[in-house]
Amino acid sequence: MLFFFIGVYGDIDGPWCSEPDDFYRKQPLVSRQDVWPAVGRTTTSEVPAEHNRSRFYLYCRQHGLWPYQVTGHDPHTQPKWFDRYCPIRNITKAYPPTLLIHGGNRRGLFRIQDEGRKAS
């Protein structure tokens, strides 16, 4: 299971996010004109109530633009730029066992810790 996780999320410029995604394209398509007002023009750590920034993510995944929009680098023409950020390209057999967690659900993290305690 860890190999699958590393194989997908560890390759941050892979086709899973740099190509249009069938799962996201099954939802109503978001247009570029609908997205930019949702994103805004300033950097923020809190999402303003009047913005729906999840539409930006949906737009990017529908069109395979997530790596480019987040980094400003095109994974199709600049793949080497992503090398230092891709665990799959930096982990060798000598690398210590590591768990990469995607998302922000703290309850999921606690569940993992609890399962580890049960196995001990």
PDB file of N, CA and C in Angstrom:
ATOM      1  N   MET A   1       0.828  -1.191   0.000  1.00  0.00           N
ATOM      2  CA  MET A   1       0.000   0.000   0.000  1.00  0.00           C
ATOM      3  C   MET A   1       0.871   1.253   0.000  1.00  0.00           C
ATOM      4  N   LEU A   2       1.936   1.249   0.757  1.00  0.00           N
ATOM      5  CA  LEU A   2       2.820   2.413   0.788  1.00  0.00           C
ATOM      6  C   LEU A   2       3.431   2.652  -0.586  1.00  0.00           C
ATOM      7  N   PHE A   3       3.760   1.591  -1.320  1.00  0.00           N
ATOM      8  CA  PHE A   3       4.325   1.764  -2.654  1.00  0.00           C
ATOM      9  C   PHE A   3       3.340   2.497  -3.559  1.00  0.00           C
ATOM     10  N   PHE A   4       2.055   2.121  -3.480  1.00  0.00           N
ATOM     11  CA  PHE A   4       1.045   2.800  -4.293  1.00  0.00           C
ATOM     12  C   PHE A   4       0.986   4.274  -3.912  1.00  0.00           C
ATOM     13  N   PHE A   5       1.005   4.539  -2.627  1.00  0.00           N
ATOM     14  CA  PHE A   5       0.917   5.926  -2.160  1.00  0.00           C
ATOM     15  C   PHE A   5       2.099   6.734  -2.671  1.00  0.00           C
ATOM     16  N   ILE A   6       3.295   6.216  -2.511  1.00  0.00           N
ATOM     17  CA  ILE A   6       4.488   6.900  -3.013  1.00  0.00           C
ATOM     18  C   ILE A   6       4.406   7.014  -4.535  1.00  0.00           C
ATOM     19  N   GLY A   7       3.948   5.940  -5.193  1.00  0.00           N
ATOM     20  CA  GLY A   7       3.892   5.941  -6.643  1.00  0.00           C
ATOM     21  C   GLY A   7       2.976   7.014  -7.209  1.00  0.00           C
ATOM     22  N   VAL A   8       1.952   7.394  -6.485  1.00  0.00           N
ATOM     23  CA  VAL A   8       1.033   8.408  -6.976  1.00  0.00           C
ATOM     24  C   VAL A   8       1.402   9.771  -6.418  1.00  0.00           C
ATOM     25  N   TYR A   9       1.269   9.953  -5.130  1.00  0.00           N
ATOM     26  CA  TYR A   9       1.517  11.266  -4.538  1.00  0.00           C
ATOM     27  C   TYR A   9       2.998  11.616  -4.475  1.00  0.00           C
ATOM     28  N   GLY A  10       3.848  10.645  -4.575  1.00  0.00           N
ATOM     29  CA  GLY A  10       5.275  10.921  -4.578  1.00  0.00           C
ATOM     30  C   GLY A  10       5.789  11.427  -5.908  1.00  0.00           C
ATOM     31  N   ASP A  11       4.959  11.357  -6.923  1.00  0.00           N
ATOM     32  CA  ASP A  11       5.329  11.834  -8.261  1.00  0.00           C
ATOM     33  C   ASP A  11       4.439  13.040  -8.571  1.00  0.00           C
ATOM     34  N   ILE A  12       4.796  14.193  -8.021  1.00  0.00           N
ATOM     35  CA  ILE A  12       3.897  15.350  -8.028  1.00  0.00           C
ATOM     36  C   ILE A  12       3.655  15.977  -9.391  1.00  0.00           C
ATOM     37  N   ASP A  13       4.417  15.582 -10.383  1.00  0.00           N
ATOM     38  CA  ASP A  13       4.152  16.105 -11.730  1.00  0.00           C
ATOM     39  C   ASP A  13       3.713  14.994 -12.678  1.00  0.00           C
ATOM     40  N   GLY A  14       3.347  13.858 -12.112  1.00  0.00           N
ATOM     41  CA  GLY A  14       2.927  12.726 -12.931  1.00  0.00           C
ATOM     42  C   GLY A  14       1.595  12.965 -13.610  1.00  0.00           C
ATOM     43  N   PRO A  15       1.229  12.074 -14.507  1.00  0.00           N
ATOM     44  CA  PRO A  15      -0.014  12.224 -15.264  1.00  0.00           C
ATOM     45  C   PRO A  15      -1.252  12.317 -14.382  1.00  0.00           C
ATOM     46  N   TRP A  16      -1.197  11.744 -13.175  1.00  0.00           N
ATOM     47  CA  TRP A  16      -2.355  11.773 -12.286  1.00  0.00           C
ATOM     48  C   TRP A  16      -2.789  13.200 -11.960  1.00  0.00           C
ATOM     49  N   CYS A  17      -1.875  14.180 -12.041  1.00  0.00           N
ATOM     50  CA  CYS A  17      -2.287  15.566 -11.775  1.00  0.00           C
ATOM     51  C   CYS A  17      -1.866  16.535 -12.868  1.00  0.00           C
ATOM     52  N   SER A  18      -1.062  16.099 -13.829  1.00  0.00           N
ATOM     53  CA  SER A  18      -0.643  17.003 -14.905  1.00  0.00           C
ATOM     54  C   SER A  18      -1.393  16.745 -16.212  1.00  0.00           C
ATOM     55  N   GLU A  19      -2.363  15.845 -16.155  1.00  0.00           N
ATOM     56  CA  GLU A  19      -3.242  15.559 -17.295  1.00  0.00           C
ATOM     57  C   GLU A  19      -4.681  15.717 -16.815  1.00  0.00           C
ATOM     58  N   PRO A  20      -5.613  16.017 -17.728  1.00  0.00           N
ATOM     59  CA  PRO A  20      -7.019  16.083 -17.315  1.00  0.00           C
ATOM     60  C   PRO A  20      -7.436  14.770 -16.639  1.00  0.00           C
ATOM     61  N   ASP A  21      -8.155  14.876 -15.538  1.00  0.00           N
ATOM     62  CA  ASP A  21      -8.519  13.721 -14.733  1.00  0.00           C
ATOM     63  C   ASP A  21      -9.988  13.351 -14.969  1.00  0.00           C
ATOM     64  N   ASP A  22     -10.225  12.101 -15.371  1.00  0.00           N
ATOM     65  CA  ASP A  22     -11.580  11.638 -15.670  1.00  0.00           C
ATOM     66  C   ASP A  22     -12.529  11.804 -14.491  1.00  0.00           C
ATOM     67  N   PHE A  23     -12.054  11.536 -13.288  1.00  0.00           N
ATOM     68  CA  PHE A  23     -12.911  11.665 -12.104  1.00  0.00           C
ATOM     69  C   PHE A  23     -13.436  13.097 -11.969  1.00  0.00           C
ATOM     70  N   TYR A  24     -12.551  14.065 -12.077  1.00  0.00           N
ATOM     71  CA  TYR A  24     -12.956  15.463 -11.925  1.00  0.00           C
ATOM     72  C   TYR A  24     -13.738  15.964 -13.139  1.00  0.00           C
ATOM     73  N   ARG A  25     -13.481  15.402 -14.292  1.00  0.00           N
ATOM     74  CA  ARG A  25     -14.185  15.842 -15.502  1.00  0.00           C
ATOM     75  C   ARG A  25     -15.626  15.334 -15.553  1.00  0.00           C
ATOM     76  N   LYS A  26     -15.970  14.379 -14.690  1.00  0.00           N
ATOM     77  CA  LYS A  26     -17.358  13.917 -14.606  1.00  0.00           C
ATOM     78  C   LYS A  26     -18.238  14.952 -13.899  1.00  0.00           C
ATOM     79  N   GLN A  27     -17.605  15.848 -13.157  1.00  0.00           N
ATOM     80  CA  GLN A  27     -18.346  16.923 -12.501  1.00  0.00           C
ATOM     81  C   GLN A  27     -18.537  18.052 -13.508  1.00  0.00           C
ATOM     82  N   PRO A  28     -19.525  18.936 -13.285  1.00  0.00           N
ATOM     83  CA  PRO A  28     -19.709  20.039 -14.234  1.00  0.00           C
ATOM     84  C   PRO A  28     -18.398  20.798 -14.439  1.00  0.00           C
ATOM     85  N   LEU A  29     -18.057  21.023 -15.704  1.00  0.00           N
ATOM     86  CA  LEU A  29     -16.789  21.682 -16.015  1.00  0.00           C
ATOM     87  C   LEU A  29     -16.780  23.121 -15.520  1.00  0.00           C
ATOM     88  N   VAL A  30     -15.665  23.496 -14.948  1.00  0.00           N
ATOM     89  CA  VAL A  30     -15.459  24.854 -14.448  1.00  0.00           C
ATOM     90  C   VAL A  30     -14.671  25.606 -15.516  1.00  0.00           C
ATOM     91  N   SER A  31     -15.107  26.811 -15.830  1.00  0.00           N
ATOM     92  CA  SER A  31     -14.402  27.599 -16.844  1.00  0.00           C
ATOM     93  C   SER A  31     -13.350  28.482 -16.190  1.00  0.00           C
ATOM     94  N   ARG A  32     -12.381  28.879 -16.969  1.00  0.00           N
ATOM     95  CA  ARG A  32     -11.329  29.780 -16.495  1.00  0.00           C
ATOM     96  C   ARG A  32     -11.923  31.084 -15.968  1.00  0.00           C
ATOM     97  N   GLN A  33     -12.960  31.577 -16.628  1.00  0.00           N
ATOM     98  CA  GLN A  33     -13.591  32.829 -16.213  1.00  0.00           C
ATOM     99  C   GLN A  33     -14.247  32.693 -14.834  1.00  0.00           C
ATOM    100  N   ASP A  34     -14.745  31.497 -14.508  1.00  0.00           N
ATOM    101  CA  ASP A  34     -15.359  31.266 -13.198  1.00  0.00           C
ATOM    102  C   ASP A  34     -14.325  31.124 -12.089  1.00  0.00           C
ATOM    103  N   VAL A  35     -13.127  30.703 -12.469  1.00  0.00           N
ATOM    104  CA  VAL A  35     -12.108  30.382 -11.467  1.00  0.00           C
ATOM    105  C   VAL A  35     -11.402  31.602 -10.897  1.00  0.00           C
ATOM    106  N   TRP A  36     -10.954  32.491 -11.732  1.00  0.00           N
ATOM    107  CA  TRP A  36     -10.087  33.567 -11.256  1.00  0.00           C
ATOM    108  C   TRP A  36     -10.729  34.460 -10.204  1.00  0.00           C
ATOM    109  N   PRO A  37     -12.013  34.783 -10.297  1.00  0.00           N
ATOM    110  CA  PRO A  37     -12.603  35.545  -9.192  1.00  0.00           C
ATOM    111  C   PRO A  37     -12.581  34.765  -7.869  1.00  0.00           C
ATOM    112  N   ALA A  38     -12.680  33.437  -7.954  1.00  0.00           N
ATOM    113  CA  ALA A  38     -12.650  32.620  -6.737  1.00  0.00           C
ATOM    114  C   ALA A  38     -11.272  32.596  -6.097  1.00  0.00           C
ATOM    115  N   VAL A  39     -10.236  32.733  -6.911  1.00  0.00           N
ATOM    116  CA  VAL A  39      -8.871  32.670  -6.385  1.00  0.00           C
ATOM    117  C   VAL A  39      -8.469  33.990  -5.749  1.00  0.00           C
ATOM    118  N   GLY A  40      -8.812  35.093  -6.370  1.00  0.00           N
ATOM    119  CA  GLY A  40      -8.410  36.392  -5.845  1.00  0.00           C
ATOM    120  C   GLY A  40      -7.014  36.761  -6.305  1.00  0.00           C
ATOM    121  N   ARG A  41      -6.533  37.872  -5.823  1.00  0.00           N
ATOM    122  CA  ARG A  41      -5.238  38.394  -6.249  1.00  0.00           C
ATOM    123  C   ARG A  41      -4.190  38.435  -5.139  1.00  0.00           C
ATOM    124  N   THR A  42      -4.556  38.078  -3.926  1.00  0.00           N
ATOM    125  CA  THR A  42      -3.609  38.170  -2.820  1.00  0.00           C
ATOM    126  C   THR A  42      -3.352  36.799  -2.210  1.00  0.00           C
ATOM    127  N   THR A  43      -2.177  36.641  -1.631  1.00  0.00           N
ATOM    128  CA  THR A  43      -1.834  35.420  -0.915  1.00  0.00           C
ATOM    129  C   THR A  43      -2.520  35.464   0.444  1.00  0.00           C
ATOM    130  N   THR A  44      -3.089  34.330   0.830  1.00  0.00           N
ATOM    131  CA  THR A  44      -3.790  34.279   2.115  1.00  0.00           C
ATOM    132  C   THR A  44      -3.655  32.892   2.712  1.00  0.00           C
ATOM    133  N   SER A  45      -3.696  32.832   4.032  1.00  0.00           N
ATOM    134  CA  SER A  45      -3.689  31.528   4.691  1.00  0.00           C
ATOM    135  C   SER A  45      -5.108  31.149   5.112  1.00  0.00           C
ATOM    136  N   GLU A  46      -6.014  32.101   5.064  1.00  0.00           N
ATOM    137  CA  GLU A  46      -7.418  31.856   5.374  1.00  0.00           C
ATOM    138  C   GLU A  46      -8.233  32.108   4.110  1.00  0.00           C
ATOM    139  N   VAL A  47      -9.197  31.273   3.844  1.00  0.00           N
ATOM    140  CA  VAL A  47     -10.036  31.440   2.666  1.00  0.00           C
ATOM    141  C   VAL A  47     -11.133  32.446   2.990  1.00  0.00           C
ATOM    142  N   PRO A  48     -11.153  33.575   2.275  1.00  0.00           N
ATOM    143  CA  PRO A  48     -12.228  34.541   2.500  1.00  0.00           C
ATOM    144  C   PRO A  48     -13.586  33.910   2.213  1.00  0.00           C
ATOM    145  N   ALA A  49     -14.583  34.265   2.990  1.00  0.00           N
ATOM    146  CA  ALA A  49     -15.912  33.667   2.861  1.00  0.00           C
ATOM    147  C   ALA A  49     -16.497  33.845   1.468  1.00  0.00           C
ATOM    148  N   GLU A  50     -16.189  34.955   0.806  1.00  0.00           N
ATOM    149  CA  GLU A  50     -16.794  35.220  -0.501  1.00  0.00           C
ATOM    150  C   GLU A  50     -16.124  34.452  -1.636  1.00  0.00           C
ATOM    151  N   HIS A  51     -15.046  33.743  -1.365  1.00  0.00           N
ATOM    152  CA  HIS A  51     -14.350  32.990  -2.407  1.00  0.00           C
ATOM    153  C   HIS A  51     -14.622  31.499  -2.252  1.00  0.00           C
ATOM    154  N   ASN A  52     -14.740  30.828  -3.371  1.00  0.00           N
ATOM    155  CA  ASN A  52     -14.885  29.378  -3.379  1.00  0.00           C
ATOM    156  C   ASN A  52     -13.653  28.812  -4.066  1.00  0.00           C
ATOM    157  N   ARG A  53     -12.558  28.734  -3.330  1.00  0.00           N
ATOM    158  CA  ARG A  53     -11.285  28.327  -3.927  1.00  0.00           C
ATOM    159  C   ARG A  53     -11.239  26.866  -4.324  1.00  0.00           C
ATOM    160  N   SER A  54     -12.162  26.076  -3.835  1.00  0.00           N
ATOM    161  CA  SER A  54     -12.178  24.674  -4.257  1.00  0.00           C
ATOM    162  C   SER A  54     -12.477  24.579  -5.756  1.00  0.00           C
ATOM    163  N   ARG A  55     -13.135  25.570  -6.313  1.00  0.00           N
ATOM    164  CA  ARG A  55     -13.395  25.587  -7.759  1.00  0.00           C
ATOM    165  C   ARG A  55     -12.091  25.719  -8.541  1.00  0.00           C
ATOM    166  N   PHE A  56     -11.115  26.407  -7.981  1.00  0.00           N
ATOM    167  CA  PHE A  56      -9.801  26.521  -8.623  1.00  0.00           C
ATOM    168  C   PHE A  56      -9.148  25.142  -8.720  1.00  0.00           C
ATOM    169  N   TYR A  57      -9.174  24.398  -7.620  1.00  0.00           N
ATOM    170  CA  TYR A  57      -8.613  23.051  -7.624  1.00  0.00           C
ATOM    171  C   TYR A  57      -9.349  22.173  -8.639  1.00  0.00           C
ATOM    172  N   LEU A  58     -10.667  22.243  -8.631  1.00  0.00           N
ATOM    173  CA  LEU A  58     -11.461  21.458  -9.567  1.00  0.00           C
ATOM    174  C   LEU A  58     -11.112  21.814 -11.008  1.00  0.00           C
ATOM    175  N   TYR A  59     -11.014  23.086 -11.308  1.00  0.00           N
ATOM    176  CA  TYR A  59     -10.631  23.543 -12.652  1.00  0.00           C
ATOM    177  C   TYR A  59      -9.262  22.981 -13.041  1.00  0.00           C
ATOM    178  N   CYS A  60      -8.302  23.104 -12.150  1.00  0.00           N
ATOM    179  CA  CYS A  60      -6.942  22.620 -12.446  1.00  0.00           C
ATOM    180  C   CYS A  60      -6.920  21.121 -12.692  1.00  0.00           C
ATOM    181  N   ARG A  61      -7.630  20.348 -11.894  1.00  0.00           N
ATOM    182  CA  ARG A  61      -7.640  18.891 -12.078  1.00  0.00           C
ATOM    183  C   ARG A  61      -8.412  18.504 -13.334  1.00  0.00           C
ATOM    184  N   GLN A  62      -9.459  19.258 -13.670  1.00  0.00           N
ATOM    185  CA  GLN A  62     -10.216  18.968 -14.891  1.00  0.00           C
ATOM    186  C   GLN A  62      -9.376  19.204 -16.144  1.00  0.00           C
ATOM    187  N   HIS A  63      -8.431  20.133 -16.052  1.00  0.00           N
ATOM    188  CA  HIS A  63      -7.647  20.516 -17.223  1.00  0.00           C
ATOM    189  C   HIS A  63      -6.172  20.114 -17.147  1.00  0.00           C
ATOM    190  N   GLY A  64      -5.788  19.389 -16.100  1.00  0.00           N
ATOM    191  CA  GLY A  64      -4.404  18.938 -15.965  1.00  0.00           C
ATOM    192  C   GLY A  64      -3.425  20.070 -15.711  1.00  0.00           C
ATOM    193  N   LEU A  65      -3.852  21.080 -14.973  1.00  0.00           N
ATOM    194  CA  LEU A  65      -3.034  22.278 -14.760  1.00  0.00           C
ATOM    195  C   LEU A  65      -2.522  22.437 -13.338  1.00  0.00           C
ATOM    196  N   TRP A  66      -2.817  21.513 -12.450  1.00  0.00           N
ATOM    197  CA  TRP A  66      -2.469  21.696 -11.041  1.00  0.00           C
ATOM    198  C   TRP A  66      -0.982  21.973 -10.817  1.00  0.00           C
ATOM    199  N   PRO A  67      -0.046  21.153 -11.306  1.00  0.00           N
ATOM    200  CA  PRO A  67       1.372  21.454 -11.045  1.00  0.00           C
ATOM    201  C   PRO A  67       1.798  22.815 -11.599  1.00  0.00           C
ATOM    202  N   TYR A  68       1.330  23.162 -12.775  1.00  0.00           N
ATOM    203  CA  TYR A  68       1.715  24.443 -13.381  1.00  0.00           C
ATOM    204  C   TYR A  68       1.146  25.625 -12.600  1.00  0.00           C
ATOM    205  N   GLN A  69      -0.109  25.555 -12.240  1.00  0.00           N
ATOM    206  CA  GLN A  69      -0.730  26.675 -11.544  1.00  0.00           C
ATOM    207  C   GLN A  69      -0.156  26.873 -10.148  1.00  0.00           C
ATOM    208  N   VAL A  70       0.267  25.800  -9.513  1.00  0.00           N
ATOM    209  CA  VAL A  70       0.830  25.901  -8.161  1.00  0.00           C
ATOM    210  C   VAL A  70       2.289  26.352  -8.192  1.00  0.00           C
ATOM    211  N   THR A  71       3.049  25.906  -9.178  1.00  0.00           N
ATOM    212  CA  THR A  71       4.494  26.184  -9.186  1.00  0.00           C
ATOM    213  C   THR A  71       4.934  27.204 -10.223  1.00  0.00           C
ATOM    214  N   GLY A  72       4.143  27.374 -11.274  1.00  0.00           N
ATOM    215  CA  GLY A  72       4.570  28.234 -12.379  1.00  0.00           C
ATOM    216  C   GLY A  72       5.503  27.531 -13.342  1.00  0.00           C
ATOM    217  N   HIS A  73       5.670  26.225 -13.163  1.00  0.00           N
ATOM    218  CA  HIS A  73       6.532  25.425 -14.039  1.00  0.00           C
ATOM    219  C   HIS A  73       5.686  24.347 -14.706  1.00  0.00           C
ATOM    220  N   ASP A  74       5.955  24.121 -15.986  1.00  0.00           N
ATOM    221  CA  ASP A  74       5.201  23.149 -16.765  1.00  0.00           C
ATOM    222  C   ASP A  74       5.882  21.784 -16.670  1.00  0.00           C
ATOM    223  N   PRO A  75       5.193  20.790 -16.098  1.00  0.00           N
ATOM    224  CA  PRO A  75       5.819  19.474 -15.967  1.00  0.00           C
ATOM    225  C   PRO A  75       6.110  18.794 -17.302  1.00  0.00           C
ATOM    226  N   HIS A  76       5.453  19.231 -18.372  1.00  0.00           N
ATOM    227  CA  HIS A  76       5.685  18.629 -19.686  1.00  0.00           C
ATOM    228  C   HIS A  76       6.950  19.176 -20.348  1.00  0.00           C
ATOM    229  N   THR A  77       7.281  20.423 -20.068  1.00  0.00           N
ATOM    230  CA  THR A  77       8.462  21.032 -20.686  1.00  0.00           C
ATOM    231  C   THR A  77       9.608  21.233 -19.700  1.00  0.00           C
ATOM    232  N   GLN A  78       9.328  21.160 -18.402  1.00  0.00           N
ATOM    233  CA  GLN A  78      10.356  21.369 -17.372  1.00  0.00           C
ATOM    234  C   GLN A  78      10.315  20.273 -16.311  1.00  0.00           C
ATOM    235  N   PRO A  79      10.303  19.004 -16.680  1.00  0.00           N
ATOM    236  CA  PRO A  79      10.160  17.950 -15.677  1.00  0.00           C
ATOM    237  C   PRO A  79      11.282  17.930 -14.643  1.00  0.00           C
ATOM    238  N   LYS A  80      12.478  18.324 -15.017  1.00  0.00           N
ATOM    239  CA  LYS A  80      13.606  18.295 -14.069  1.00  0.00           C
ATOM    240  C   LYS A  80      13.393  19.269 -12.905  1.00  0.00           C
ATOM    241  N   TRP A  81      12.640  20.341 -13.134  1.00  0.00           N
ATOM    242  CA  TRP A  81      12.396  21.304 -12.066  1.00  0.00           C
ATOM    243  C   TRP A  81      11.712  20.640 -10.877  1.00  0.00           C
ATOM    244  N   PHE A  82      10.897  19.626 -11.114  1.00  0.00           N
ATOM    245  CA  PHE A  82      10.124  18.966 -10.070  1.00  0.00           C
ATOM    246  C   PHE A  82      10.927  17.905  -9.309  1.00  0.00           C
ATOM    247  N   ASP A  83      12.089  17.539  -9.806  1.00  0.00           N
ATOM    248  CA  ASP A  83      12.859  16.445  -9.213  1.00  0.00           C
ATOM    249  C   ASP A  83      13.074  16.595  -7.712  1.00  0.00           C
ATOM    250  N   ARG A  84      13.472  17.745  -7.248  1.00  0.00           N
ATOM    251  CA  ARG A  84      13.790  17.895  -5.814  1.00  0.00           C
ATOM    252  C   ARG A  84      12.561  17.817  -4.923  1.00  0.00           C
ATOM    253  N   TYR A  85      11.370  17.930  -5.501  1.00  0.00           N
ATOM    254  CA  TYR A  85      10.138  17.882  -4.720  1.00  0.00           C
ATOM    255  C   TYR A  85       9.409  16.546  -4.822  1.00  0.00           C
ATOM    256  N   CYS A  86       9.903  15.627  -5.622  1.00  0.00           N
ATOM    257  CA  CYS A  86       9.246  14.341  -5.842  1.00  0.00           C
ATOM    258  C   CYS A  86       9.923  13.253  -5.014  1.00  0.00           C
ATOM    259  N   PRO A  87       9.269  12.799  -3.956  1.00  0.00           N
ATOM    260  CA  PRO A  87       9.878  11.727  -3.163  1.00  0.00           C
ATOM    261  C   PRO A  87      10.245  10.507  -3.980  1.00  0.00           C
ATOM    262  N   ILE A  88       9.447  10.163  -4.975  1.00  0.00           N
ATOM    263  CA  ILE A  88       9.718   8.964  -5.762  1.00  0.00           C
ATOM    264  C   ILE A  88      11.057   9.052  -6.494  1.00  0.00           C
ATOM    265  N   ARG A  89      11.543  10.249  -6.727  1.00  0.00           N
ATOM    266  CA  ARG A  89      12.818  10.439  -7.427  1.00  0.00           C
ATOM    267  C   ARG A  89      13.992  10.610  -6.473  1.00  0.00           C
ATOM    268  N   ASN A  90      13.719  10.634  -5.182  1.00  0.00           N
ATOM    269  CA  ASN A  90      14.775  10.898  -4.214  1.00  0.00           C
ATOM    270  C   ASN A  90      14.954   9.810  -3.170  1.00  0.00           C
ATOM    271  N   ILE A  91      14.049   8.864  -3.109  1.00  0.00           N
ATOM    272  CA  ILE A  91      14.128   7.822  -2.086  1.00  0.00           C
ATOM    273  C   ILE A  91      14.854   6.608  -2.652  1.00  0.00           C
ATOM    274  N   THR A  92      15.852   6.145  -1.915  1.00  0.00           N
ATOM    275  CA  THR A  92      16.603   4.954  -2.293  1.00  0.00           C
ATOM    276  C   THR A  92      16.381   3.879  -1.232  1.00  0.00           C
ATOM    277  N   LYS A  93      16.972   2.728  -1.412  1.00  0.00           N
ATOM    278  CA  LYS A  93      16.864   1.659  -0.413  1.00  0.00           C
ATOM    279  C   LYS A  93      17.454   2.081   0.926  1.00  0.00           C
ATOM    280  N   ALA A  94      18.386   3.025   0.916  1.00  0.00           N
ATOM    281  CA  ALA A  94      19.013   3.482   2.149  1.00  0.00           C
ATOM    282  C   ALA A  94      18.137   4.481   2.921  1.00  0.00           C
ATOM    283  N   TYR A  95      17.063   4.942   2.321  1.00  0.00           N
ATOM    284  CA  TYR A  95      16.185   5.925   2.963  1.00  0.00           C
ATOM    285  C   TYR A  95      15.411   5.248   4.086  1.00  0.00           C
ATOM    286  N   PRO A  96      15.269   5.887   5.240  1.00  0.00           N
ATOM    287  CA  PRO A  96      14.552   5.253   6.352  1.00  0.00           C
ATOM    288  C   PRO A  96      13.059   5.099   6.035  1.00  0.00           C
ATOM    289  N   PRO A  97      12.396   4.131   6.674  1.00  0.00           N
ATOM    290  CA  PRO A  97      10.954   3.971   6.461  1.00  0.00           C
ATOM    291  C   PRO A  97      10.232   5.285   6.767  1.00  0.00           C
ATOM    292  N   THR A  98       9.347   5.676   5.869  1.00  0.00           N
ATOM    293  CA  THR A  98       8.668   6.960   5.983  1.00  0.00           C
ATOM    294  C   THR A  98       7.211   6.804   5.584  1.00  0.00           C
ATOM    295  N   LEU A  99       6.335   7.511   6.284  1.00  0.00           N
ATOM    296  CA  LEU A  99       4.920   7.527   5.937  1.00  0.00           C
ATOM    297  C   LEU A  99       4.579   8.921   5.443  1.00  0.00           C
ATOM    298  N   LEU A 100       4.125   9.019   4.191  1.00  0.00           N
ATOM    299  CA  LEU A 100       3.667  10.286   3.646  1.00  0.00           C
ATOM    300  C   LEU A 100       2.159  10.329   3.806  1.00  0.00           C
ATOM    301  N   ILE A 101       1.654  11.409   4.376  1.00  0.00           N
ATOM    302  CA  ILE A 101       0.217  11.537   4.585  1.00  0.00           C
ATOM    303  C   ILE A 101      -0.287  12.694   3.746  1.00  0.00           C
ATOM    304  N   HIS A 102      -1.303  12.422   2.974  1.00  0.00           N
ATOM    305  CA  HIS A 102      -1.910  13.441   2.110  1.00  0.00           C
ATOM    306  C   HIS A 102      -3.198  13.917   2.768  1.00  0.00           C
ATOM    307  N   GLY A 103      -3.380  15.207   2.850  1.00  0.00           N
ATOM    308  CA  GLY A 103      -4.613  15.747   3.397  1.00  0.00           C
ATOM    309  C   GLY A 103      -4.409  16.312   4.781  1.00  0.00           C
ATOM    310  N   GLY A 104      -5.466  16.860   5.334  1.00  0.00           N
ATOM    311  CA  GLY A 104      -5.353  17.540   6.615  1.00  0.00           C
ATOM    312  C   GLY A 104      -6.272  16.992   7.680  1.00  0.00           C
ATOM    313  N   ASN A 105      -6.743  15.764   7.548  1.00  0.00           N
ATOM    314  CA  ASN A 105      -7.663  15.200   8.517  1.00  0.00           C
ATOM    315  C   ASN A 105      -6.881  14.649   9.692  1.00  0.00           C
ATOM    316  N   ARG A 106      -6.877  15.387  10.784  1.00  0.00           N
ATOM    317  CA  ARG A 106      -6.112  14.956  11.958  1.00  0.00           C
ATOM    318  C   ARG A 106      -6.679  13.675  12.543  1.00  0.00           C
ATOM    319  N   ARG A 107      -7.992  13.469  12.439  1.00  0.00           N
ATOM    320  CA  ARG A 107      -8.573  12.240  12.974  1.00  0.00           C
ATOM    321  C   ARG A 107      -7.981  11.031  12.263  1.00  0.00           C
ATOM    322  N   GLY A 108      -7.726  11.153  10.962  1.00  0.00           N
ATOM    323  CA  GLY A 108      -7.114  10.051  10.230  1.00  0.00           C
ATOM    324  C   GLY A 108      -5.727   9.734  10.754  1.00  0.00           C
ATOM    325  N   LEU A 109      -4.962  10.781  11.111  1.00  0.00           N
ATOM    326  CA  LEU A 109      -3.630  10.585  11.665  1.00  0.00           C
ATOM    327  C   LEU A 109      -3.724   9.861  13.002  1.00  0.00           C
ATOM    328  N   PHE A 110      -4.669  10.273  13.847  1.00  0.00           N
ATOM    329  CA  PHE A 110      -4.827   9.603  15.131  1.00  0.00           C
ATOM    330  C   PHE A 110      -5.241   8.155  14.941  1.00  0.00           C
ATOM    331  N   ARG A 111      -6.065   7.881  13.948  1.00  0.00           N
ATOM    332  CA  ARG A 111      -6.487   6.509  13.672  1.00  0.00           C
ATOM    333  C   ARG A 111      -5.276   5.664  13.290  1.00  0.00           C
ATOM    334  N   ILE A 112      -4.376   6.217  12.487  1.00  0.00           N
ATOM    335  CA  ILE A 112      -3.147   5.498  12.105  1.00  0.00           C
ATOM    336  C   ILE A 112      -2.319   5.210  13.348  1.00  0.00           C
ATOM    337  N   GLN A 113      -2.177   6.196  14.235  1.00  0.00           N
ATOM    338  CA  GLN A 113      -1.404   5.998  15.451  1.00  0.00           C
ATOM    339  C   GLN A 113      -2.048   4.920  16.333  1.00  0.00           C
ATOM    340  N   ASP A 114      -3.379   4.962  16.445  1.00  0.00           N
ATOM    341  CA  ASP A 114      -4.070   3.956  17.256  1.00  0.00           C
ATOM    342  C   ASP A 114      -3.884   2.564  16.689  1.00  0.00           C
ATOM    343  N   GLU A 115      -3.973   2.412  15.369  1.00  0.00           N
ATOM    344  CA  GLU A 115      -3.770   1.100  14.739  1.00  0.00           C
ATOM    345  C   GLU A 115      -2.355   0.601  14.996  1.00  0.00           C
ATOM    346  N   GLY A 116      -1.391   1.516  14.991  1.00  0.00           N
ATOM    347  CA  GLY A 116       0.001   1.139  15.273  1.00  0.00           C
ATOM    348  C   GLY A 116       0.151   0.621  16.685  1.00  0.00           C
ATOM    349  N   ARG A 117      -0.540   1.247  17.637  1.00  0.00           N
ATOM    350  CA  ARG A 117      -0.489   0.798  19.032  1.00  0.00           C
ATOM    351  C   ARG A 117      -1.107  -0.579  19.179  1.00  0.00           C
ATOM    352  N   LYS A 118      -2.222  -0.839  18.476  1.00  0.00           N
ATOM    353  CA  LYS A 118      -2.884  -2.138  18.548  1.00  0.00           C
ATOM    354  C   LYS A 118      -1.977  -3.241  18.015  1.00  0.00           C
ATOM    355  N   ALA A 119      -1.185  -2.918  16.993  1.00  0.00           N
ATOM    356  CA  ALA A 119      -0.320  -3.921  16.372  1.00  0.00           C
ATOM    357  C   ALA A 119       0.894  -4.225  17.243  1.00  0.00           C
ATOM    358  N   SER A 120       1.242  -3.330  18.157  1.00  0.00           N
ATOM    359  CA  SER A 120       2.434  -3.526  18.993  1.00  0.00           C
ATOM    360  C   SER A 120       2.229  -4.596  20.034  1.00  0.00           C
TER     361      SER A 120
END
